[in-house]
C-alpha atoms as a PDB file:
ATOM      1  CA  MET A   1       0.000   0.000   0.000  1.00  0.00           C
ATOM      2  CA  LYS A   2       2.861   2.387   0.837  1.00  0.00           C
ATOM      3  CA  HIS A   3       4.502   1.753  -2.562  1.00  0.00           C
ATOM      4  CA  LEU A   4       1.208   2.439  -4.299  1.00  0.00           C
ATOM      5  CA  LEU A   5       0.858   5.808  -2.550  1.00  0.00           C
ATOM      6  CA  LEU A   6       4.454   6.712  -3.457  1.00  0.00           C
ATOM      7  CA  ALA A   7       3.858   5.863  -7.115  1.00  0.00           C
ATOM      8  CA  SER A   8       0.663   7.914  -7.166  1.00  0.00           C
ATOM      9  CA  THR A   9       2.485  10.923  -5.685  1.00  0.00           C
ATOM     10  CA  LEU A  10       5.244  10.740  -8.317  1.00  0.00           C
ATOM     11  CA  LEU A  11       2.687  10.438 -11.114  1.00  0.00           C
ATOM     12  CA  LEU A  12       0.810  13.499  -9.813  1.00  0.00           C
ATOM     13  CA  ALA A  13       4.022  15.547  -9.641  1.00  0.00           C
ATOM     14  CA  VAL A  14       4.936  14.644 -13.244  1.00  0.00           C
ATOM     15  CA  SER A  15       1.433  15.533 -14.433  1.00  0.00           C
ATOM     16  CA  VAL A  16       1.499  18.938 -12.710  1.00  0.00           C
ATOM     17  CA  SER A  17       4.944  19.810 -14.102  1.00  0.00           C
ATOM     18  CA  SER A  18       3.867  18.779 -17.596  1.00  0.00           C
ATOM     19  CA  SER A  19       0.746  20.925 -17.348  1.00  0.00           C
ATOM     20  CA  VAL A  20       2.775  23.934 -16.216  1.00  0.00           C
ATOM     21  CA  SER A  21       5.211  23.466 -19.107  1.00  0.00           C
ATOM     22  CA  LEU A  22       2.393  23.249 -21.643  1.00  0.00           C
ATOM     23  CA  ALA A  23       0.684  26.299 -20.152  1.00  0.00           C
ATOM     24  CA  GLU A  24       3.879  28.347 -20.366  1.00  0.00           C
ATOM     25  CA  GLU A  25       4.449  27.232 -23.947  1.00  0.00           C
ATOM     26  CA  GLY A  26       0.844  28.079 -24.897  1.00  0.00           C
ATOM     27  CA  ALA A  27       1.129  31.522 -23.238  1.00  0.00           C
ATOM     28  CA  GLY A  28       4.027  32.445 -25.477  1.00  0.00           C
ATOM     29  CA  ALA A  29       6.912  31.657 -23.106  1.00  0.00           C
ATOM     30  CA  PRO A  30      10.175  32.206 -24.973  1.00  0.00           C
ATOM     31  CA  ALA A  31      12.013  29.070 -25.948  1.00  0.00           C
ATOM     32  CA  PRO A  32      15.711  28.983 -26.691  1.00  0.00           C
ATOM     33  CA  THR A  33      16.265  29.576 -30.402  1.00  0.00           C
ATOM     34  CA  GLU A  34      19.387  29.296 -32.512  1.00  0.00           C
ATOM     35  CA  PRO A  35      20.750  32.387 -34.272  1.00  0.00           C
ATOM     36  CA  ILE A  36      18.880  33.133 -37.504  1.00  0.00           C
ATOM     37  CA  GLN A  37      20.878  33.009 -40.709  1.00  0.00           C
ATOM     38  CA  VAL A  38      19.823  36.098 -42.665  1.00  0.00           C
ATOM     39  CA  PRO A  39      20.208  35.816 -46.450  1.00  0.00           C
ATOM     40  CA  GLU A  40      21.399  38.778 -48.502  1.00  0.00           C
ATOM     41  CA  LYS A  41      18.254  38.654 -50.616  1.00  0.00           C
ATOM     42  CA  LEU A  42      15.042  37.443 -49.059  1.00  0.00           C
ATOM     43  CA  GLU A  43      12.075  36.415 -51.178  1.00  0.00           C
ATOM     44  CA  ILE A  44       8.900  36.930 -49.189  1.00  0.00           C
ATOM     45  CA  PRO A  45       6.062  34.962 -50.815  1.00  0.00           C
ATOM     46  CA  TYR A  46       2.516  36.238 -51.038  1.00  0.00           C
ATOM     47  CA  THR A  47       0.007  34.779 -48.618  1.00  0.00           C
ATOM     48  CA  VAL A  48      -2.691  32.486 -49.991  1.00  0.00           C
ATOM     49  CA  TYR A  49      -5.955  33.529 -48.371  1.00  0.00           C
ATOM     50  CA  THR A  50      -8.035  30.613 -49.732  1.00  0.00           C
ATOM     51  CA  THR A  51      -6.414  27.753 -47.807  1.00  0.00           C
ATOM     52  CA  ASP A  52      -8.233  26.035 -44.964  1.00  0.00           C
ATOM     53  CA  ARG A  53      -5.764  27.519 -42.498  1.00  0.00           C
ATOM     54  CA  ALA A  54      -6.433  31.022 -43.813  1.00  0.00           C
ATOM     55  CA  LEU A  55     -10.182  30.477 -43.686  1.00  0.00           C
ATOM     56  CA  MET A  56      -9.884  29.350 -40.056  1.00  0.00           C
ATOM     57  CA  THR A  57      -8.290  32.635 -38.982  1.00  0.00           C
ATOM     58  CA  THR A  58     -10.219  35.422 -37.342  1.00  0.00           C
ATOM     59  CA  PHE A  59     -10.417  37.477 -40.546  1.00  0.00           C
ATOM     60  CA  HIS A  60     -13.769  39.048 -41.174  1.00  0.00           C
ATOM     61  CA  GLU A  61     -15.036  38.655 -44.703  1.00  0.00           C
ATOM     62  CA  SER A  62     -14.639  42.395 -45.301  1.00  0.00           C
ATOM     63  CA  THR A  63     -11.038  42.219 -44.037  1.00  0.00           C
ATOM     64  CA  ARG A  64     -10.269  39.274 -46.324  1.00  0.00           C
ATOM     65  CA  LYS A  65     -11.687  41.264 -49.236  1.00  0.00           C
ATOM     66  CA  LEU A  66      -9.400  44.207 -48.452  1.00  0.00           C
ATOM     67  CA  LEU A  67      -6.383  41.902 -48.232  1.00  0.00           C
ATOM     68  CA  LEU A  68      -7.198  40.308 -51.597  1.00  0.00           C
ATOM     69  CA  GLU A  69      -7.558  43.741 -53.183  1.00  0.00           C
ATOM     70  CA  ALA A  70      -4.268  44.876 -51.640  1.00  0.00           C
ATOM     71  CA  GLN A  71      -2.474  41.770 -52.904  1.00  0.00           C
ATOM     72  CA  ALA A  72      -3.863  42.263 -56.413  1.00  0.00           C
ATOM     73  CA  LEU A  73      -2.648  45.879 -56.450  1.00  0.00           C
ATOM     74  CA  GLU A  74       0.775  44.806 -55.183  1.00  0.00           C
ATOM     75  CA  LYS A  75       1.146  42.150 -57.865  1.00  0.00           C
ATOM     76  CA  ALA A  76       0.133  44.759 -60.464  1.00  0.00           C
ATOM     77  CA  GLY A  77       3.008  46.999 -59.338  1.00  0.00           C
ATOM     78  CA  LYS A  78       0.821  49.603 -57.623  1.00  0.00           C
ATOM     79  CA  VAL A  79       2.765  49.456 -54.378  1.00  0.00           C
ATOM     80  CA  ALA A  80       1.547  52.719 -52.799  1.00  0.00           C
ATOM     81  CA  ALA A  81      -2.123  51.870 -53.360  1.00  0.00           C
ATOM     82  CA  ALA A  82      -1.505  48.308 -52.138  1.00  0.00           C
ATOM     83  CA  LEU A  83       0.079  49.529 -48.889  1.00  0.00           C
ATOM     84  CA  GLU A  84      -2.920  51.787 -48.274  1.00  0.00           C
ATOM     85  CA  LYS A  85      -5.224  48.778 -48.689  1.00  0.00           C
ATOM     86  CA  TYR A  86      -3.116  46.717 -46.286  1.00  0.00           C
ATOM     87  CA  GLN A  87      -3.289  49.615 -43.813  1.00  0.00           C
ATOM     88  CA  ASP A  88      -7.073  49.781 -44.203  1.00  0.00           C
ATOM     89  CA  ALA A  89      -7.322  46.049 -43.532  1.00  0.00           C
ATOM     90  CA  TYR A  90      -5.261  46.393 -40.360  1.00  0.00           C
ATOM     91  CA  ALA A  91      -7.343  49.375 -39.199  1.00  0.00           C
ATOM     92  CA  HIS A  92     -10.492  47.314 -39.841  1.00  0.00           C
ATOM     93  CA  ASN A  93      -9.218  44.234 -38.005  1.00  0.00           C
ATOM     94  CA  SER A  94      -6.289  44.976 -35.652  1.00  0.00           C
ATOM     95  CA  LEU A  95      -5.156  41.405 -35.096  1.00  0.00           C
ATOM     96  CA  PRO A  96      -1.670  39.884 -35.412  1.00  0.00           C
ATOM     97  CA  ASP A  97      -2.320  38.156 -38.751  1.00  0.00           C
ATOM     98  CA  THR A  98      -3.455  41.417 -40.350  1.00  0.00           C
ATOM     99  CA  GLN A  99      -0.534  43.355 -38.876  1.00  0.00           C
ATOM    100  CA  LEU A 100       1.853  40.706 -40.186  1.00  0.00           C
ATOM    101  CA  GLU A 101       0.390  41.016 -43.686  1.00  0.00           C
ATOM    102  CA  LEU A 102       1.017  44.767 -43.518  1.00  0.00           C
ATOM    103  CA  GLY A 103       4.576  44.240 -42.268  1.00  0.00           C
ATOM    104  CA  LEU A 104       5.420  41.641 -44.932  1.00  0.00           C
ATOM    105  CA  ALA A 105       4.084  43.931 -47.675  1.00  0.00           C
ATOM    106  CA  GLN A 106       6.245  46.762 -46.306  1.00  0.00           C
ATOM    107  CA  ALA A 107       9.287  44.466 -46.373  1.00  0.00           C
ATOM    108  CA  ARG A 108       8.604  43.544 -50.028  1.00  0.00           C
ATOM    109  CA  ALA A 109       8.350  47.289 -50.775  1.00  0.00           C
ATOM    110  CA  GLY A 110      11.693  48.004 -49.102  1.00  0.00           C
ATOM    111  CA  LEU A 111      10.159  49.852 -46.146  1.00  0.00           C
ATOM    112  CA  PHE A 112      12.272  48.067 -43.574  1.00  0.00           C
ATOM    113  CA  LEU A 113      11.667  50.391 -40.595  1.00  0.00           C
ATOM    114  CA  PRO A 114       7.840  50.180 -40.478  1.00  0.00           C
ATOM    115  CA  CYS A 115       8.073  46.458 -41.255  1.00  0.00           C
ATOM    116  CA  ALA A 116      10.443  45.852 -38.321  1.00  0.00           C
ATOM    117  CA  ARG A 117       8.279  47.856 -35.940  1.00  0.00           C
ATOM    118  CA  ASN A 118       5.079  46.072 -36.990  1.00  0.00           C
ATOM    119  CA  ILE A 119       6.623  42.627 -36.590  1.00  0.00           C
ATOM    120  CA  GLN A 120       8.174  43.716 -33.289  1.00  0.00           C
ATOM    121  CA  ASP A 121       4.698  44.688 -32.037  1.00  0.00           C
ATOM    122  CA  VAL A 122       3.303  41.299 -33.020  1.00  0.00           C
ATOM    123  CA  ILE A 123       6.065  39.400 -31.249  1.00  0.00           C
ATOM    124  CA  ALA A 124       5.903  41.601 -28.144  1.00  0.00           C
ATOM    125  CA  PHE A 125       2.141  41.774 -27.622  1.00  0.00           C
ATOM    126  CA  TRP A 126       0.832  38.473 -28.959  1.00  0.00           C
ATOM    127  CA  ALA A 127       1.560  34.865 -28.048  1.00  0.00           C
ATOM    128  CA  LEU A 128       3.228  32.761 -30.710  1.00  0.00           C
ATOM    129  CA  ARG A 129       0.073  30.723 -31.216  1.00  0.00           C
ATOM    130  CA  ASP A 130      -1.981  33.831 -32.082  1.00  0.00           C
ATOM    131  CA  TYR A 131      -0.754  34.241 -35.659  1.00  0.00           C
ATOM    132  CA  LYS A 132      -1.480  31.305 -37.894  1.00  0.00           C
ATOM    133  CA  LEU A 133      -0.669  32.093 -41.521  1.00  0.00           C
ATOM    134  CA  HIS A 134       3.133  32.185 -41.164  1.00  0.00           C
ATOM    135  CA  PRO A 135       5.544  30.008 -39.154  1.00  0.00           C
ATOM    136  CA  VAL A 136       7.389  31.659 -36.312  1.00  0.00           C
ATOM    137  CA  THR A 137      10.765  31.055 -37.979  1.00  0.00           C
ATOM    138  CA  GLU A 138       9.594  32.862 -41.104  1.00  0.00           C
ATOM    139  CA  VAL A 139       8.394  35.846 -39.057  1.00  0.00           C
ATOM    140  CA  ARG A 140      11.670  36.085 -37.150  1.00  0.00           C
ATOM    141  CA  THR A 141      13.693  35.736 -40.358  1.00  0.00           C
ATOM    142  CA  VAL A 142      11.878  38.686 -41.952  1.00  0.00           C
ATOM    143  CA  LEU A 143      12.439  40.728 -38.788  1.00  0.00           C
ATOM    144  CA  ALA A 144      16.155  39.910 -38.794  1.00  0.00           C
ATOM    145  CA  TYR A 145      16.337  40.719 -42.524  1.00  0.00           C
ATOM    146  CA  CYS A 146      14.877  44.195 -41.890  1.00  0.00           C
ATOM    147  CA  ALA A 147      16.925  44.787 -38.722  1.00  0.00           C
ATOM    148  CA  LYS A 148      20.140  44.090 -40.660  1.00  0.00           C
ATOM    149  CA  ARG A 149      19.412  47.187 -42.745  1.00  0.00           C
ATOM    150  CA  LEU A 150      18.540  49.322 -39.724  1.00  0.00           C
ATOM    151  CA  GLY A 151      20.141  50.443 -36.505  1.00  0.00           C
ATOM    152  CA  THR A 152      19.075  48.821 -33.231  1.00  0.00           C
ATOM    153  CA  ILE A 153      19.140  50.783 -29.961  1.00  0.00           C
ATOM    154  CA  ALA A 154      18.926  48.609 -26.859  1.00  0.00           C
ATOM    155  CA  LEU A 155      17.405  50.632 -24.031  1.00  0.00           C
ATOM    156  CA  ARG A 156      18.207  50.268 -20.358  1.00  0.00           C
ATOM    157  CA  ILE A 157      16.279  52.718 -18.124  1.00  0.00           C
ATOM    158  CA  ASN A 158      16.179  52.886 -14.343  1.00  0.00           C
ATOM    159  CA  ILE A 159      12.357  53.275 -14.130  1.00  0.00           C
ATOM    160  CA  ALA A 160       9.416  51.830 -16.045  1.00  0.00           C
ATOM    161  CA  GLY A 161       6.709  53.678 -17.953  1.00  0.00           C
ATOM    162  CA  VAL A 162       9.071  56.036 -19.804  1.00  0.00           C
ATOM    163  CA  ARG A 163       7.813  57.457 -23.117  1.00  0.00           C
ATOM    164  CA  ILE A 164      10.474  57.226 -25.798  1.00  0.00           C
ATOM    165  CA  THR A 165      10.494  59.503 -28.839  1.00  0.00           C
ATOM    166  CA  VAL A 166      12.900  59.266 -31.770  1.00  0.00           C
ATOM    167  CA  ASP A 167      13.285  62.557 -33.666  1.00  0.00           C
ATOM    168  CA  GLY A 168       9.954  63.682 -32.205  1.00  0.00           C
ATOM    169  CA  GLU A 169       8.078  60.464 -33.090  1.00  0.00           C
ATOM    170  CA  LEU A 170       6.631  58.489 -30.179  1.00  0.00           C
ATOM    171  CA  VAL A 171       7.909  54.924 -30.452  1.00  0.00           C
ATOM    172  CA  MET A 172       6.702  53.076 -27.364  1.00  0.00           C
ATOM    173  CA  ASP A 173       6.726  53.221 -23.586  1.00  0.00           C
ATOM    174  CA  TRP A 174       9.681  51.391 -22.060  1.00  0.00           C
ATOM    175  CA  PRO A 175       9.921  48.464 -21.204  1.00  0.00           C
ATOM    176  CA  TYR A 176       7.295  47.287 -23.723  1.00  0.00           C
ATOM    177  CA  HIS A 177      10.051  47.544 -26.339  1.00  0.00           C
ATOM    178  CA  ASP A 178      13.562  47.291 -24.963  1.00  0.00           C
ATOM    179  CA  GLU A 179      14.935  47.577 -28.497  1.00  0.00           C
ATOM    180  CA  ILE A 180      14.165  50.435 -30.894  1.00  0.00           C
ATOM    181  CA  TYR A 181      14.729  50.190 -34.630  1.00  0.00           C
ATOM    182  CA  VAL A 182      15.895  53.383 -36.363  1.00  0.00           C
ATOM    183  CA  GLU A 183      17.218  54.366 -39.759  1.00  0.00           C
ATOM    184  CA  PRO A 184      21.023  54.533 -40.010  1.00  0.00           C
ATOM    185  CA  GLY A 185      22.366  57.970 -39.101  1.00  0.00           C
ATOM    186  CA  GLY A 186      22.026  60.428 -36.237  1.00  0.00           C
ATOM    187  CA  HIS A 187      18.932  60.549 -34.027  1.00  0.00           C
ATOM    188  CA  GLU A 188      17.675  62.520 -31.041  1.00  0.00           C
ATOM    189  CA  ILE A 189      16.328  60.173 -28.374  1.00  0.00           C
ATOM    190  CA  LYS A 190      14.095  61.767 -25.726  1.00  0.00           C
ATOM    191  CA  ALA A 191      12.771  60.043 -22.621  1.00  0.00           C
ATOM    192  CA  ASN A 192       9.837  61.528 -20.699  1.00  0.00           C
ATOM    193  CA  ALA A 193       8.097  60.374 -17.535  1.00  0.00           C
ATOM    194  CA  SER A 194       5.688  62.079 -15.176  1.00  0.00           C
ATOM    195  CA  GLY A 195       7.540  63.611 -12.235  1.00  0.00           C
ATOM    196  CA  TYR A 196      10.975  63.265 -13.893  1.00  0.00           C
ATOM    197  CA  TRP A 197      13.217  65.578 -15.887  1.00  0.00           C
ATOM    198  CA  MET A 198      13.322  64.951 -19.627  1.00  0.00           C
ATOM    199  CA  ASN A 199      16.419  63.098 -20.809  1.00  0.00           C
ATOM    200  CA  GLU A 200      17.729  63.891 -24.291  1.00  0.00           C
ATOM    201  CA  THR A 201      20.509  61.920 -25.984  1.00  0.00           C
ATOM    202  CA  HIS A 202      22.027  62.035 -29.462  1.00  0.00           C
ATOM    203  CA  VAL A 203      22.882  58.678 -31.012  1.00  0.00           C
ATOM    204  CA  ASP A 204      24.809  57.951 -34.225  1.00  0.00           C
ATOM    205  CA  ILE A 205      24.295  54.437 -35.544  1.00  0.00           C
ATOM    206  CA  LYS A 206      25.111  52.433 -38.671  1.00  0.00           C
ATOM    207  CA  ALA A 207      23.137  49.836 -40.593  1.00  0.00           C
ATOM    208  CA  GLY A 208      23.247  46.490 -38.805  1.00  0.00           C
ATOM    209  CA  GLU A 209      24.774  48.078 -35.684  1.00  0.00           C
ATOM    210  CA  ARG A 210      23.344  47.499 -32.218  1.00  0.00           C
ATOM    211  CA  LYS A 211      24.034  50.102 -29.532  1.00  0.00           C
ATOM    212  CA  GLU A 212      23.132  49.926 -25.870  1.00  0.00           C
ATOM    213  CA  LEU A 213      21.737  53.168 -24.451  1.00  0.00           C
ATOM    214  CA  ARG A 214      21.506  53.542 -20.687  1.00  0.00           C
ATOM    215  CA  ILE A 215      19.236  56.333 -19.466  1.00  0.00           C
ATOM    216  CA  ALA A 216      19.073  57.440 -15.823  1.00  0.00           C
ATOM    217  CA  MET A 217      15.860  59.384 -15.212  1.00  0.00           C
ATOM    218  CA  GLN A 218      16.181  62.016 -12.477  1.00  0.00           C
ATOM    219  CA  GLN A 219      13.180  62.874 -10.330  1.00  0.00           C
ATOM    220  CA  ARG A 220      12.002  66.481 -10.259  1.00  0.00           C
ATOM    221  CA  ILE A 221      12.778  68.068  -6.893  1.00  0.00           C
ATOM    222  CA  HIS A 222      12.262  71.642  -5.657  1.00  0.00           C
ATOM    223  CA  ALA A 223      15.328  71.803  -3.415  1.00  0.00           C
ATOM    224  CA  GLN A 224      18.654  72.173  -5.207  1.00  0.00           C
ATOM    225  CA  TYR A 225      21.936  71.809  -3.316  1.00  0.00           C
ATOM    226  CA  VAL A 226      25.143  73.610  -4.274  1.00  0.00           C
ATOM    227  CA  GLN A 227      28.560  72.422  -3.160  1.00  0.00           C
ATOM    228  CA  PHE A 228      31.043  75.071  -2.005  1.00  0.00           C
ATOM    229  CA  PRO A 229      34.821  74.544  -1.994  1.00  0.00           C
ATOM    230  CA  THR A 230      35.269  76.874   1.027  1.00  0.00           C
ATOM    231  CA  PRO A 231      35.493  75.738   4.662  1.00  0.00           C
ATOM    232  CA  PRO A 232      32.234  75.054   6.486  1.00  0.00           C
ATOM    233  CA  ILE A 233      30.091  78.177   6.887  1.00  0.00           C
ATOM    234  CA  HIS A 234      26.841  78.164   8.853  1.00  0.00           C
ATOM    235  CA  PHE A 235      24.680  81.259   9.251  1.00  0.00           C
ATOM    236  CA  ASN A 236      21.014  82.210   9.231  1.00  0.00           C
ATOM    237  CA  ILE A 237      19.533  85.534   8.116  1.00  0.00           C
ATOM    238  CA  ASN A 238      15.950  86.455   8.964  1.00  0.00           C
ATOM    239  CA  ALA A 239      14.519  89.202   6.777  1.00  0.00           C
ATOM    240  CA  ASN A 240      11.102  90.560   7.791  1.00  0.00           C
ATOM    241  CA  LEU A 241       9.508  92.294   4.819  1.00  0.00           C
ATOM    242  CA  SER A 242       6.463  93.554   6.742  1.00  0.00           C
ATOM    243  CA  ASN A 243       6.198  97.369   7.167  1.00  0.00           C
ATOM    244  CA  GLY A 244       4.270  97.315  10.406  1.00  0.00           C
ATOM    245  CA  ALA A 245       2.496  95.125  12.877  1.00  0.00           C
ATOM    246  CA  LYS A 246      -1.218  94.714  12.877  1.00  0.00           C
ATOM    247  CA  GLY A 247      -1.505  96.307  16.344  1.00  0.00           C
ATOM    248  CA  ASP A 248       0.118  99.593  15.099  1.00  0.00           C
ATOM    249  CA  GLN A 249      -2.892 100.468  12.948  1.00  0.00           C
ATOM    250  CA  PRO A 250      -5.239 103.281  14.271  1.00  0.00           C
ATOM    251  CA  THR A 251      -8.495 102.133  15.844  1.00  0.00           C
ATOM    252  CA  TRP A 252     -10.544 105.386  15.879  1.00  0.00           C
ATOM    253  CA  PRO A 253     -12.145 104.839  12.421  1.00  0.00           C
ATOM    254  CA  ARG A 254     -13.534 101.516  13.581  1.00  0.00           C
ATOM    255  CA  ASN A 255     -14.850 103.068  16.835  1.00  0.00           C
ATOM    256  CA  LEU A 256     -16.380 105.947  14.876  1.00  0.00           C
ATOM    257  CA  MET A 257     -18.190 103.558  12.541  1.00  0.00           C
ATOM    258  CA  ILE A 258     -19.537 101.561  15.495  1.00  0.00           C
ATOM    259  CA  GLY A 259     -20.794 104.700  17.261  1.00  0.00           C
ATOM    260  CA  SER A 260     -22.268 106.102  14.057  1.00  0.00           C
ATOM    261  CA  GLY A 261     -24.123 102.876  13.449  1.00  0.00           C
ATOM    262  CA  VAL A 262     -25.648 102.965  16.925  1.00  0.00           C
ATOM    263  CA  GLY A 263     -26.540 106.658  16.528  1.00  0.00           C
ATOM    264  CA  LEU A 264     -28.138 106.006  13.141  1.00  0.00           C
ATOM    265  CA  ALA A 265     -30.354 103.349  14.672  1.00  0.00           C
ATOM    266  CA  PHE A 266     -31.524 105.664  17.493  1.00  0.00           C
ATOM    267  CA  GLY A 267     -31.974 108.603  15.099  1.00  0.00           C
ATOM    268  CA  LEU A 268     -34.134 106.664  12.692  1.00  0.00           C
ATOM    269  CA  GLY A 269     -36.180 105.334  15.600  1.00  0.00           C
ATOM    270  CA  GLY A 270     -36.740 108.834  17.000  1.00  0.00           C
ATOM    271  CA  LEU A 271     -37.608 110.212  13.576  1.00  0.00           C
ATOM    272  CA  VAL A 272     -40.208 107.548  12.892  1.00  0.00           C
ATOM    273  CA  THR A 273     -41.701 107.828  16.415  1.00  0.00           C
ATOM    274  CA  GLY A 274     -41.938 111.632  16.182  1.00  0.00           C
ATOM    275  CA  LEU A 275     -43.650 111.515  12.816  1.00  0.00           C
ATOM    276  CA  ILE A 276     -46.223 109.048  14.149  1.00  0.00           C
ATOM    277  CA  MET A 277     -46.895 111.226  17.234  1.00  0.00           C
ATOM    278  CA  ASN A 278     -47.278 114.333  15.104  1.00  0.00           C
ATOM    279  CA  VAL A 279     -49.950 112.900  12.794  1.00  0.00           C
ATOM    280  CA  ASN A 280     -52.939 114.267  14.797  1.00  0.00           C
ATOM    281  CA  ALA A 281     -51.207 117.392  16.160  1.00  0.00           C
ATOM    282  CA  PRO A 282     -52.651 120.813  15.053  1.00  0.00           C
ATOM    283  CA  ASP A 283     -50.641 122.577  12.364  1.00  0.00           C
ATOM    284  CA  ASP A 284     -50.518 126.000  14.065  1.00  0.00           C
ATOM    285  CA  GLY A 285     -46.765 126.476  14.101  1.00  0.00           C
ATOM    286  CA  THR A 286     -46.252 125.343  17.687  1.00  0.00           C
ATOM    287  CA  VAL A 287     -43.500 122.836  18.449  1.00  0.00           C
ATOM    288  CA  THR A 288     -45.012 119.720  19.953  1.00  0.00           C
ATOM    289  CA  THR A 289     -43.290 116.749  21.546  1.00  0.00           C
ATOM    290  CA  GLY A 290     -43.651 114.712  18.341  1.00  0.00           C
ATOM    291  CA  LYS A 291     -42.092 117.414  16.210  1.00  0.00           C
ATOM    292  CA  GLY A 292     -39.181 117.840  18.606  1.00  0.00           C
ATOM    293  CA  LEU A 293     -38.549 114.122  18.682  1.00  0.00           C
ATOM    294  CA  ALA A 294     -38.653 113.951  14.861  1.00  0.00           C
ATOM    295  CA  TYR A 295     -36.254 116.934  14.541  1.00  0.00           C
ATOM    296  CA  ALA A 296     -33.815 115.371  16.987  1.00  0.00           C
ATOM    297  CA  GLY A 297     -34.020 111.978  15.289  1.00  0.00           C
ATOM    298  CA  GLY A 298     -33.372 113.518  11.846  1.00  0.00           C
ATOM    299  CA  ILE A 299     -30.365 115.490  13.091  1.00  0.00           C
ATOM    300  CA  LEU A 300     -28.929 112.417  14.851  1.00  0.00           C
ATOM    301  CA  SER A 301     -29.446 110.302  11.723  1.00  0.00           C
ATOM    302  CA  ALA A 302     -27.668 112.869   9.524  1.00  0.00           C
ATOM    303  CA  LEU A 303     -24.728 113.085  11.935  1.00  0.00           C
ATOM    304  CA  SER A 304     -24.508 109.283  12.123  1.00  0.00           C
ATOM    305  CA  VAL A 305     -24.448 108.940   8.329  1.00  0.00           C
ATOM    306  CA  GLY A 306     -21.645 111.494   8.209  1.00  0.00           C
ATOM    307  CA  GLY A 307     -19.718 109.554  10.834  1.00  0.00           C
ATOM    308  CA  LEU A 308     -20.113 106.320   8.870  1.00  0.00           C
ATOM    309  CA  VAL A 309     -18.805 107.970   5.698  1.00  0.00           C
ATOM    310  CA  ILE A 310     -15.788 109.424   7.529  1.00  0.00           C
ATOM    311  CA  GLY A 311     -15.042 106.091   9.229  1.00  0.00           C
ATOM    312  CA  LEU A 312     -15.237 104.129   5.985  1.00  0.00           C
ATOM    313  CA  ALA A 313     -12.982 106.631   4.193  1.00  0.00           C
ATOM    314  CA  SER A 314     -10.409 106.561   7.017  1.00  0.00           C
ATOM    315  CA  ARG A 315     -10.368 102.818   7.727  1.00  0.00           C
ATOM    316  CA  PRO A 316      -6.809 101.387   7.802  1.00  0.00           C
ATOM    317  CA  GLU A 317      -5.463  99.225   5.024  1.00  0.00           C
ATOM    318  CA  PRO A 318      -4.788  95.595   5.977  1.00  0.00           C
ATOM    319  CA  PRO A 319      -1.159  94.984   6.810  1.00  0.00           C
ATOM    320  CA  PRO A 320       0.975  93.256   4.177  1.00  0.00           C
ATOM    321  CA  PRO A 321       1.943  89.614   4.632  1.00  0.00           C
ATOM    322  CA  ASN A 322       4.813  88.932   6.936  1.00  0.00           C
ATOM    323  CA  VAL A 323       7.515  87.178   4.877  1.00  0.00           C
ATOM    324  CA  ILE A 324      10.619  85.683   6.437  1.00  0.00           C
ATOM    325  CA  ILE A 325      13.554  84.665   4.219  1.00  0.00           C
ATOM    326  CA  THR A 326      16.054  82.282   5.813  1.00  0.00           C
ATOM    327  CA  PRO A 327      19.123  81.484   3.666  1.00  0.00           C
ATOM    328  CA  GLN A 328      21.184  78.537   4.865  1.00  0.00           C
ATOM    329  CA  ILE A 329      24.632  77.894   3.448  1.00  0.00           C
ATOM    330  CA  ALA A 330      27.132  75.216   4.404  1.00  0.00           C
ATOM    331  CA  LYS A 331      30.101  73.530   2.789  1.00  0.00           C
ATOM    332  CA  ASP A 332      28.092  70.712   1.242  1.00  0.00           C
ATOM    333  CA  GLY A 333      25.059  72.648   0.113  1.00  0.00           C
ATOM    334  CA  GLY A 334      22.797  75.628   0.401  1.00  0.00           C
ATOM    335  CA  GLY A 335      19.202  76.658   0.160  1.00  0.00           C
ATOM    336  CA  VAL A 336      16.657  79.355   0.894  1.00  0.00           C
ATOM    337  CA  GLN A 337      13.552  78.936   3.031  1.00  0.00           C
ATOM    338  CA  PHE A 338      10.520  81.226   2.578  1.00  0.00           C
ATOM    339  CA  THR A 339       7.932  81.580   5.368  1.00  0.00           C
ATOM    340  CA  ALA A 340       4.885  83.835   4.887  1.00  0.00           C
ATOM    341  CA  THR A 341       1.969  84.701   7.166  1.00  0.00           C
ATOM    342  CA  THR A 342      -1.069  86.629   6.018  1.00  0.00           C
ATOM    343  CA  PRO A 343      -3.148  88.941   8.283  1.00  0.00           C
END
């Protein structure tokens, strides 16, 4: 019984390892490949879209029609029109088989750079089982054939998610493509990332050459340190830019406005009360209590309004913000600290 359990355990372990290996192979796990022998002249055959394998692909019927039209134009020598048709087919059905057809047509037309980039996209973003019309060795051979006529820049960057542009053209975020294909000659390589300073590098490269480019992105910081060759110096300077404290401002305009407001309230009250009391009084020129109260209320109201106007015109301006500048300098660095308080 013990031997039977041991045998069952070994069989289970072998089955699990085999399943993992098959899953990795199906997911596009890279397998060791031998170096590709690139011929000087590569004949890239046209794809036959009527085979059972082609009919089993994910082409829509409208996409297949565009590919057939593009192939007919290419065979007739109308290369520019054929490439437009291939591009339309890829825009209509953005799958690896369609992108490969576009790349192979570009290779036949001598457009090695767009061909290499299209095939590079297919290899980078799709599993090997996802494109069916061409063997993997054929795809890699065409890529190597194009790369031999281009320059290859191998990127090594200290952070991920860096946008790479070549002569102003966005290529791809690193590390999705750790190799960039460029035309032979000089190129301006720019690397941009959020929160980091832009890195710009000039690269000269020849056909078939592969150069490694290491880029160290530096994070944006607001404190810069300066090194001084002098002996250590430590001092602080406090500069107060305020021209007066808040307590130095005069207070009489505020008191005048408060008193005028109170007087205006009493004056209006007396005026209204006097007018009401004087409604039934005889109009014989005698001064009654109602008239006197109304006169006094009117005079008090007029004086209070005048006091409010004077107080508003003479109110103090708010004090300026109190700013303190503190420079700090030492042998190994320096900086300036700003501190501001508002009234």
